């Protein structure tokens, strides 16, 4: 069976048809690309950046100003710009340092008192109880001695009365000359000796009773010591409470010292960032207050463009789209991209926002701020906040 093949003319014709179709499609795509809205631009744009206001953090008198500090001068971060009089704050720091040292010493003593109270509380209680037992034993001994002395007093009193009776009887016999004087003298001596023994026994009895009274007094005192020693837990807790109090005083003094040290440090005014000085308003001898604006520093290395596009131009605008920033001061075009779109129109950020709820309302096309990130810029081209630029955004991507 024979297969019919296309002729060479038919093959060339087919290829021409296909090539023409592809070329037509490409031409239509290019026309659509160029005829469709591809970019939007605005000359309502400017360079923006961070402007750092430098305010006095404490009040005082300016005693020194850096001679290199003036408007339009560039300074590095950390440069000392000016100094306030330290004598307004240094004495307070010295006094508070002394208060802190005193509080630290008091805290050490208070902690030692807690340790001493805890160590001696049990031994004090045991010693007080032992002293009570000793005093009670002394009282018991004194009472036994008192009983014995009372018996001796009774015996010696009986002996003395008998001897005295004999003396008196013999005295009558001597007067009647029935006995000799020597016999009477013997009875008188016996009576005197018996009286002396009786008085000695009475003295011993009085001493024993006095010993009983003193022992009873010591018992009362020792029992008081026991009660005092029994309050050792409360005393320990009181000592611990004193530690907490002194510790609180120390923390308060430390906080005051830190605050005063910071105030003393604030007398040295330092540049927070690299930048150019503007609006300098400080001179030696000037009295400044806390919060007063001294100068501003703008950073030329941290800038971006803000373009105020009409709201009708935002239809196809997206974050990340390529942008061209034309700098009026140098005529140079810089590359950039859309970083973010404003959260409201510029009119809404005005001091007095417009009120449209009126009878004479006129529709006005609003503008929305768009932040443009500058991808690269030539170092010799200065970009300062406030400079005028023109921004064009490619909305086809």
Protein backbone atom coordinates (compact mmCIF):
# COMPACT_ATOMS: atom_id res chain seq x y z
CA UNK A 1 0.00 0.00 0.00
CA UNK A 2 1.41 3.38 -0.92
CA UNK A 3 1.40 6.33 1.65
CA UNK A 4 0.62 9.71 0.17
CA UNK A 5 3.17 12.37 1.13
CA UNK A 6 2.78 16.19 1.24
CA UNK A 7 4.41 18.10 -1.49
CA UNK A 8 7.29 20.48 -0.67
CA UNK A 9 5.10 23.48 -1.46
CA UNK A 10 2.47 22.45 1.08
CA UNK A 11 5.12 21.95 3.80
CA UNK A 12 6.59 25.40 3.25
CA UNK A 13 3.14 26.92 3.37
CA UNK A 14 2.38 25.29 6.74
CA UNK A 15 5.60 26.57 8.25
CA UNK A 16 4.86 30.08 7.07
CA UNK A 17 1.41 29.94 8.65
CA UNK A 18 2.81 28.84 12.01
CA UNK A 19 5.59 31.44 11.97
CA UNK A 20 3.14 34.18 11.10
CA UNK A 21 0.83 33.19 13.93
CA UNK A 22 3.63 33.28 16.50
CA UNK A 23 4.88 36.63 15.20
CA UNK A 24 1.39 38.08 15.37
CA UNK A 25 0.92 36.89 18.91
CA UNK A 26 4.25 38.49 19.94
CA UNK A 27 3.32 41.77 18.27
CA UNK A 28 -0.04 41.81 20.03
CA UNK A 29 1.67 41.12 23.39
CA UNK A 30 4.14 43.94 22.88
CA UNK A 31 1.33 46.31 21.92
CA UNK A 32 -0.65 45.32 25.00
CA UNK A 33 2.47 45.82 27.12
CA UNK A 34 3.15 49.30 25.82
CA UNK A 35 -0.44 50.43 25.48
CA UNK A 36 -1.50 49.22 28.95
CA UNK A 37 -0.88 51.62 31.90
CA UNK A 38 2.74 50.74 32.78
CA UNK A 39 3.97 53.42 35.22
CA UNK A 40 2.83 56.24 37.42
CA UNK A 41 4.83 59.25 38.55
CA UNK A 42 4.59 62.31 40.76
CA UNK A 43 6.68 65.37 41.51
CA UNK A 44 5.02 65.71 44.93
CA UNK A 45 7.85 63.82 46.62
CA UNK A 46 10.81 64.52 48.86
CA UNK A 47 13.65 62.87 50.72
CA UNK A 48 12.82 61.97 54.32
CA UNK A 49 14.94 60.67 57.17
CA UNK A 50 15.37 60.48 60.93
CA UNK A 51 15.93 63.79 62.68
CA UNK A 52 16.97 63.25 66.30
CA UNK A 53 16.02 66.03 68.73
CA UNK A 54 18.53 66.24 71.59
CA UNK A 55 16.89 67.46 74.81
CA UNK A 56 18.42 68.15 78.21
CA UNK A 57 17.57 65.28 80.57
CA UNK A 58 18.32 67.34 83.70
CA UNK A 59 18.32 71.02 84.46
CA UNK A 60 21.56 72.90 84.98
CA UNK A 61 24.01 75.50 83.74
CA UNK A 62 26.08 74.94 80.59
CA UNK A 63 29.76 75.04 81.61
CA UNK A 64 31.35 73.77 78.37
CA UNK A 65 30.38 73.47 74.70
CA UNK A 66 32.43 71.46 72.20
CA UNK A 67 34.04 74.03 69.87
CA UNK A 68 33.42 71.68 66.93
CA UNK A 69 29.69 71.65 67.59
CA UNK A 70 27.78 74.05 65.37
CA UNK A 71 25.08 74.05 62.72
CA UNK A 72 25.90 71.98 59.59
CA UNK A 73 28.83 70.28 61.38
CA UNK A 74 29.08 66.49 61.20
CA UNK A 75 29.61 64.61 64.48
CA UNK A 76 30.20 60.96 65.28
CA UNK A 77 28.05 59.00 67.71
CA UNK A 78 29.46 59.26 71.24
CA UNK A 79 30.95 62.73 70.74
CA UNK A 80 30.59 64.90 73.86
CA UNK A 81 28.67 67.95 72.71
CA UNK A 82 28.36 69.93 75.95
CA UNK A 83 28.53 69.60 79.74
CA UNK A 84 26.36 70.91 82.55
CA UNK A 85 27.69 71.94 85.97
CA UNK A 86 28.34 68.68 87.90
CA UNK A 87 28.28 70.44 91.27
CA UNK A 88 24.49 70.39 91.18
CA UNK A 89 24.46 66.58 91.39
CA UNK A 90 27.87 65.29 92.64
CA UNK A 91 27.25 66.06 96.39
CA UNK A 92 24.01 64.08 96.29
CA UNK A 93 25.85 61.09 94.83
CA UNK A 94 28.52 61.29 97.57
CA UNK A 95 25.89 61.48 100.32
CA UNK A 96 23.93 58.54 98.96
CA UNK A 97 27.10 56.47 98.63
CA UNK A 98 27.61 57.00 102.37
CA UNK A 99 24.01 56.00 103.06
CA UNK A 100 24.47 52.83 101.04
CA UNK A 101 27.64 51.89 102.94
CA UNK A 102 25.89 52.52 106.27
CA UNK A 103 22.90 50.41 105.24
CA UNK A 104 25.20 47.60 104.09
CA UNK A 105 26.92 47.58 107.51
CA UNK A 106 23.56 47.58 109.30
CA UNK A 107 22.44 44.66 107.17
CA UNK A 108 25.52 42.65 108.16
CA UNK A 109 24.85 43.34 111.86
CA UNK A 110 21.17 42.45 111.50
CA UNK A 111 22.02 39.13 109.84
CA UNK A 112 24.54 38.33 112.59
CA UNK A 113 21.87 39.05 115.21
CA UNK A 114 19.61 36.50 113.55
CA UNK A 115 22.37 33.88 113.64
CA UNK A 116 23.17 34.67 117.28
CA UNK A 117 19.51 34.50 118.28
CA UNK A 118 19.05 31.17 116.54
CA UNK A 119 22.24 29.75 118.09
CA UNK A 120 21.59 30.89 121.67
CA UNK A 121 17.82 30.52 121.94
CA UNK A 122 17.85 26.82 122.90
CA UNK A 123 20.83 27.12 125.24
CA UNK A 124 19.26 30.11 126.99
CA UNK A 125 16.05 28.19 127.58
CA UNK A 126 17.92 25.17 128.95
CA UNK A 127 20.09 27.34 131.21
CA UNK A 128 17.03 29.19 132.52
CA UNK A 129 15.24 25.94 133.39
CA UNK A 130 18.38 24.60 135.12
CA UNK A 131 18.63 27.84 137.12
CA UNK A 132 15.01 27.41 138.26
CA UNK A 133 15.72 23.87 139.45
CA UNK A 134 18.85 25.05 141.26
CA UNK A 135 16.95 27.85 143.01
CA UNK A 136 14.19 25.42 144.03
CA UNK A 137 16.82 23.04 145.45
CA UNK A 138 18.38 25.92 147.43
CA UNK A 139 14.97 26.81 148.81
CA UNK A 140 14.32 23.22 149.84
CA UNK A 141 17.70 23.13 151.62
CA UNK A 142 16.94 26.44 153.34
CA UNK A 143 13.55 25.15 154.48
CA UNK A 144 15.17 22.02 155.93
CA UNK A 145 17.75 24.18 157.68
CA UNK A 146 14.95 26.37 159.02
CA UNK A 147 13.13 23.36 160.49
CA UNK A 148 16.36 22.15 162.12
CA UNK A 149 17.14 25.65 163.42
CA UNK A 150 13.62 25.94 164.88
CA UNK A 151 14.14 22.67 166.78
CA UNK A 152 17.48 23.93 168.13
CA UNK A 153 15.80 27.17 169.20
CA UNK A 154 13.16 25.19 171.06
CA UNK A 155 15.80 23.06 172.81
CA UNK A 156 18.04 25.97 173.71
CA UNK A 157 15.04 27.98 174.90
CA UNK A 158 14.04 25.16 177.25
CA UNK A 159 17.60 24.86 178.55
CA UNK A 160 17.80 28.61 179.01
CA UNK A 161 14.51 28.78 180.95
CA UNK A 162 15.59 25.96 183.27
CA UNK A 163 19.01 27.57 183.80
CA UNK A 164 17.39 30.93 184.45
CA UNK A 165 14.97 29.41 186.93
CA UNK A 166 17.93 27.75 188.75
CA UNK A 167 19.81 31.06 188.79
CA UNK A 168 16.87 32.89 190.32
CA UNK A 169 16.32 30.17 192.97
CA UNK A 170 20.04 30.12 193.89
CA UNK A 171 19.99 33.91 194.08
CA UNK A 172 17.33 33.72 196.77
CA UNK A 173 19.38 31.10 198.65
CA UNK A 174 22.48 33.28 198.45
CA UNK A 175 20.54 36.20 199.89
CA UNK A 176 19.43 34.00 202.82
CA UNK A 177 23.01 32.71 203.21
CA UNK A 178 21.93 29.14 202.71
CA UNK A 179 24.42 28.46 199.89
CA UNK A 180 27.78 29.89 199.00
CA UNK A 181 28.34 32.63 196.47
CA UNK A 182 30.35 30.30 194.24
CA UNK A 183 27.43 27.96 193.82
CA UNK A 184 25.25 30.85 192.66
CA UNK A 185 27.94 32.05 190.27
CA UNK A 186 28.00 28.59 188.65
CA UNK A 187 24.25 28.71 188.09
CA UNK A 188 24.49 32.27 186.72
CA UNK A 189 27.19 31.16 184.29
CA UNK A 190 25.05 28.25 183.15
CA UNK A 191 22.12 30.60 182.53
CA UNK A 192 24.26 33.06 180.58
CA UNK A 193 25.68 30.24 178.42
CA UNK A 194 22.20 28.84 177.80
CA UNK A 195 20.98 32.31 176.78
CA UNK A 196 23.87 32.72 174.36
CA UNK A 197 23.12 29.32 172.81
CA UNK A 198 19.44 30.23 172.50
CA UNK A 199 20.25 33.53 170.77
CA UNK A 200 22.65 31.77 168.42
CA UNK A 201 19.94 29.26 167.56
CA UNK A 202 17.46 32.08 166.95
CA UNK A 203 20.01 33.81 164.67
CA UNK A 204 20.47 30.58 162.72
CA UNK A 205 16.68 30.29 162.40
CA UNK A 206 16.43 33.89 161.12
CA UNK A 207 19.24 33.23 158.63
CA UNK A 208 17.51 30.09 157.39
CA UNK A 209 14.26 31.95 156.93
CA UNK A 210 16.10 34.75 155.09
CA UNK A 211 17.68 32.11 152.86
CA UNK A 212 14.22 30.75 152.10
CA UNK A 213 13.01 34.23 151.12
CA UNK A 214 16.04 34.89 148.90
CA UNK A 215 15.66 31.45 147.29
CA UNK A 216 12.02 32.21 146.56
CA UNK A 217 13.08 35.52 144.96
CA UNK A 218 15.68 33.75 142.81
CA UNK A 219 13.07 31.19 141.74
CA UNK A 220 10.80 33.99 140.58
CA UNK A 221 13.66 35.61 138.68
CA UNK A 222 14.71 32.35 137.05
CA UNK A 223 11.14 31.62 136.03
CA UNK A 224 11.10 35.04 134.41
CA UNK A 225 14.23 34.05 132.52
CA UNK A 226 12.45 30.89 131.37
CA UNK A 227 9.54 32.97 130.08
CA UNK A 228 11.96 35.31 128.31
CA UNK A 229 13.85 32.39 126.78
CA UNK A 230 10.55 30.83 125.70
CA UNK A 231 9.96 33.90 123.50
CA UNK A 232 13.08 33.07 121.45
CA UNK A 233 11.04 32.27 118.27
CA UNK A 234 9.43 35.70 118.46
CA UNK A 235 12.82 37.28 119.06
CA UNK A 236 14.25 35.43 116.06
CA UNK A 237 11.33 36.57 113.92
CA UNK A 238 11.86 40.12 115.16
CA UNK A 239 15.53 39.88 114.20
CA UNK A 240 14.56 38.58 110.75
CA UNK A 241 12.04 41.40 110.37
CA UNK A 242 14.82 43.85 111.19
CA UNK A 243 16.92 42.24 108.46
CA UNK A 244 14.10 42.78 105.97
CA UNK A 245 13.71 46.39 107.08
CA UNK A 246 17.41 47.13 106.75
CA UNK A 247 17.48 45.33 103.39
CA UNK A 248 14.59 47.51 102.23
CA UNK A 249 16.44 50.62 103.37
CA UNK A 250 19.51 49.44 101.46
CA UNK A 251 17.51 48.86 98.27
CA UNK A 252 15.89 52.28 98.59
CA UNK A 253 19.30 53.90 99.06
CA UNK A 254 20.70 51.97 96.10
CA UNK A 255 17.79 53.11 93.92
CA UNK A 256 18.32 56.71 95.00
CA UNK A 257 22.05 56.38 94.33
CA UNK A 258 21.39 54.94 90.87
CA UNK A 259 18.97 57.76 90.07
CA UNK A 260 21.43 60.41 91.26
CA UNK A 261 24.31 58.75 89.39
CA UNK A 262 22.23 58.79 86.21
CA UNK A 263 21.43 62.47 86.74
CA UNK A 264 25.14 63.15 87.22
CA UNK A 265 25.86 61.27 83.99
CA UNK A 266 23.20 63.27 82.18
CA UNK A 267 25.25 66.43 82.77
CA UNK A 268 27.40 65.19 79.86
CA UNK A 269 25.45 65.62 76.62
CA UNK A 270 26.55 63.04 74.03
CA UNK A 271 25.61 62.60 70.36
CA UNK A 272 23.41 59.48 70.08
CA UNK A 273 24.06 58.88 66.34
CA UNK A 274 26.30 59.97 63.47
CA UNK A 275 24.83 62.99 61.76
CA UNK A 276 24.74 66.66 60.93
CA UNK A 277 23.91 69.22 63.61
CA UNK A 278 21.06 71.65 63.16
CA UNK A 279 19.14 74.17 65.26
CA UNK A 280 21.92 74.48 67.85
CA UNK A 281 20.76 76.70 70.71
CA UNK A 282 23.24 76.20 73.59
CA UNK A 283 25.99 78.49 74.84
CA UNK A 284 28.31 78.51 77.86
CA UNK A 285 26.60 79.99 80.92
CA UNK A 286 23.12 79.27 79.62
CA UNK A 287 20.63 77.85 82.14
CA UNK A 288 18.62 74.98 80.65
CA UNK A 289 15.69 73.01 82.00
CA UNK A 290 14.93 69.33 81.81
CA UNK A 291 13.33 68.53 78.45
CA UNK A 292 14.56 71.70 76.76
CA UNK A 293 15.58 71.24 73.11
CA UNK A 294 19.31 71.90 72.68
CA UNK A 295 19.95 70.86 69.07
CA UNK A 296 18.97 68.32 66.41
CA UNK A 297 21.01 65.70 64.55
CA UNK A 298 19.98 64.38 61.15
CA UNK A 299 21.50 61.20 59.76
CA UNK A 300 22.24 61.51 55.99
CA UNK A 301 22.97 57.79 55.69
CA UNK A 302 19.49 56.71 56.76
CA UNK A 303 17.10 58.32 54.28
CA UNK A 304 14.24 57.30 51.98
CA UNK A 305 11.79 58.98 49.64
CA UNK A 306 8.14 59.76 50.37
CA UNK A 307 6.01 60.22 47.25
CA UNK A 308 2.47 61.54 47.55
CA UNK A 309 0.57 59.76 44.74
CA UNK A 310 -3.00 60.53 43.78
CA UNK A 311 -5.44 57.91 44.97
CA UNK A 312 -6.30 57.15 41.33
CA UNK A 313 -2.66 56.20 40.71
CA UNK A 314 -2.66 53.37 43.27
CA UNK A 315 -4.81 50.95 41.26
CA UNK A 316 -1.95 48.78 40.07
CA UNK A 317 0.69 49.79 42.63
CA UNK A 318 2.09 46.99 44.82
CA UNK A 319 4.84 46.68 47.42
CA UNK A 320 8.16 45.66 45.85
CA UNK A 321 7.58 47.32 42.45
CA UNK A 322 10.60 49.01 40.92
CA UNK A 323 10.87 52.79 41.22
CA UNK A 324 13.13 55.52 39.84
CA UNK A 325 13.93 58.53 42.03
CA UNK A 326 15.03 61.64 40.16
CA UNK A 327 16.95 64.00 42.46
CA UNK A 328 16.35 67.63 41.57
CA UNK A 329 19.56 68.89 43.20
CA UNK A 330 21.87 66.69 41.13
CA UNK A 331 19.68 65.55 38.23
CA UNK A 332 20.67 61.96 38.94
CA UNK A 333 18.26 59.03 38.79
CA UNK A 334 18.48 56.52 41.63
CA UNK A 335 17.03 53.04 41.74
CA UNK A 336 14.47 52.10 44.41
CA UNK A 337 11.39 50.07 45.20
CA UNK A 338 8.01 50.53 46.84
CA UNK A 339 8.47 49.72 50.52
CA UNK A 340 5.04 50.53 51.94
CA UNK A 341 1.83 52.47 51.27
CA UNK A 342 0.43 54.98 53.73
CA UNK A 343 -2.31 53.98 56.13
CA UNK A 344 -4.36 57.08 55.35
CA UNK A 345 -4.40 60.04 53.01
CA UNK A 346 -2.21 63.02 53.75
CA UNK A 347 -5.25 65.14 54.60
CA UNK A 348 -6.12 62.83 57.49
CA UNK A 349 -2.75 63.59 59.10
CA UNK A 350 -3.34 67.34 58.91
CA UNK A 351 -3.71 69.37 62.08
CA UNK A 352 -7.35 70.03 61.19
CA UNK A 353 -8.65 67.12 59.04
CA UNK A 354 -11.26 68.11 56.44
CA UNK A 355 -14.90 67.64 57.36
CA UNK A 356 -16.95 66.49 54.37
CA UNK A 357 -20.31 66.34 56.13
CA UNK A 358 -21.28 69.79 54.83
CA UNK A 359 -23.70 71.03 52.20
CA UNK A 360 -20.99 72.60 50.02
CA UNK A 361 -18.90 69.45 49.62
CA UNK A 362 -16.54 69.43 46.61
CA UNK A 363 -14.80 66.21 45.69
CA UNK A 364 -11.01 66.57 45.68
CA UNK A 365 -8.63 63.87 44.58
CA UNK A 366 -6.67 62.85 47.67
CA UNK A 367 -3.02 61.93 47.85
CA UNK A 368 -1.56 58.92 49.69
CA UNK A 369 2.04 58.89 50.95
CA UNK A 370 4.10 56.00 49.54
CA UNK A 371 7.46 55.15 51.08
CA UNK A 372 10.16 54.42 48.50
CA UNK A 373 13.25 52.47 49.56
CA UNK A 374 16.39 53.80 47.89
CA UNK A 375 18.33 50.73 46.77
CA UNK A 376 21.61 52.44 45.95
CA UNK A 377 22.96 55.95 45.66
CA UNK A 378 26.21 57.54 44.73
CA UNK A 379 28.26 58.61 47.76
CA UNK A 380 29.04 62.05 46.32
CA UNK A 381 25.36 62.85 45.90
CA UNK A 382 24.05 64.28 49.17
CA UNK A 383 20.55 63.18 50.09
CA UNK A 384 19.21 65.33 52.86
CA UNK A 385 15.75 65.20 54.44
CA UNK A 386 13.46 67.70 52.74
CA UNK A 387 15.09 67.63 49.30
CA UNK A 388 12.67 67.58 46.34
CA UNK A 389 12.61 64.50 44.09
CA UNK A 390 10.41 63.02 41.38
CA UNK A 391 9.33 59.39 41.68
CA UNK A 392 8.21 57.06 38.94
CA UNK A 393 6.91 53.56 39.78
CA UNK A 394 6.75 50.72 37.22
CA UNK A 395 3.33 49.13 37.86
CA UNK A 396 3.60 46.42 35.19
CA UNK A 397 5.20 43.88 37.53
